């Protein structure tokens, strides 16, 4: 057995009850998905990659969605393509199999992203939004994201919160994250619904459908909230032609299948 094998993400024993819960609620918490030396290796790889890229281009001009996101947190997209130590986690077959079972279909990687929310950086809350409406996909119904806490995520440092069942509403207008309108204007009947916060121990994770309403509060702690997200899309997803950091300059035309080596099959 190689060192690489010993640090692979193990299979997670997902139950039918958990699958049913995810499909009903649009999200699920899975505890201790990654533990011990594997968690240490993943966190070390992601933290190192973020540090390298932050130090290499601290004043790099940013525009569009990337600039908006980085007002809220330090976000690095597609680390797997530049950092082999991250790639072996992003491309984990075990994590991909969870995504496939939850959504009930073959899946491809869409992209990964580090989401490091720095301490006390103004009101760096992440507004209520859906993910899939920002992605250049023709069909937005079955994307899913695993959001892995690399350190403990709490209500004090900005853990995730969700509104149950909101994926069934379908795509809503995209919220401008830098000057957000109220997502609940489009679903006023949900205003009385109490959101479900999901504090996570390091190595635990949530999966949420790309249409589930979700939010993360500001980081009021004195340490960085460290999370790593891997986003999956159904095999057969087609490009809708709109600009996006992942597809820009890759030569895709509207209607093309997103099935290149940039988007490998998982599981």
Foldseek 3Di string as FASTA:
>chain_A
DDPLVVLAQDADPDDPVQLVQCVQFQKDWFAQSDDDPNLVLQLVQVVVLLVVVCVVCVPDDDDDPQVLLVLQFSKDKASVVVGVSNVSHLQHQNVLVVLCSSLVAWKWWPIKMKGKGAAPSDFSKFAWFFQQLVAQWPDQQRKKKKKAFSAWADLQAWFKKFFTRQSVVPDDDGARRNDGDHSCVVVVVCVVGDIGGDTGHHNIIMMGRRRTTMIIGHNNDNGMGIIMMIMMDHQFIFGQADDDPLCPPVPHDGGDGPDDPSIDTHD
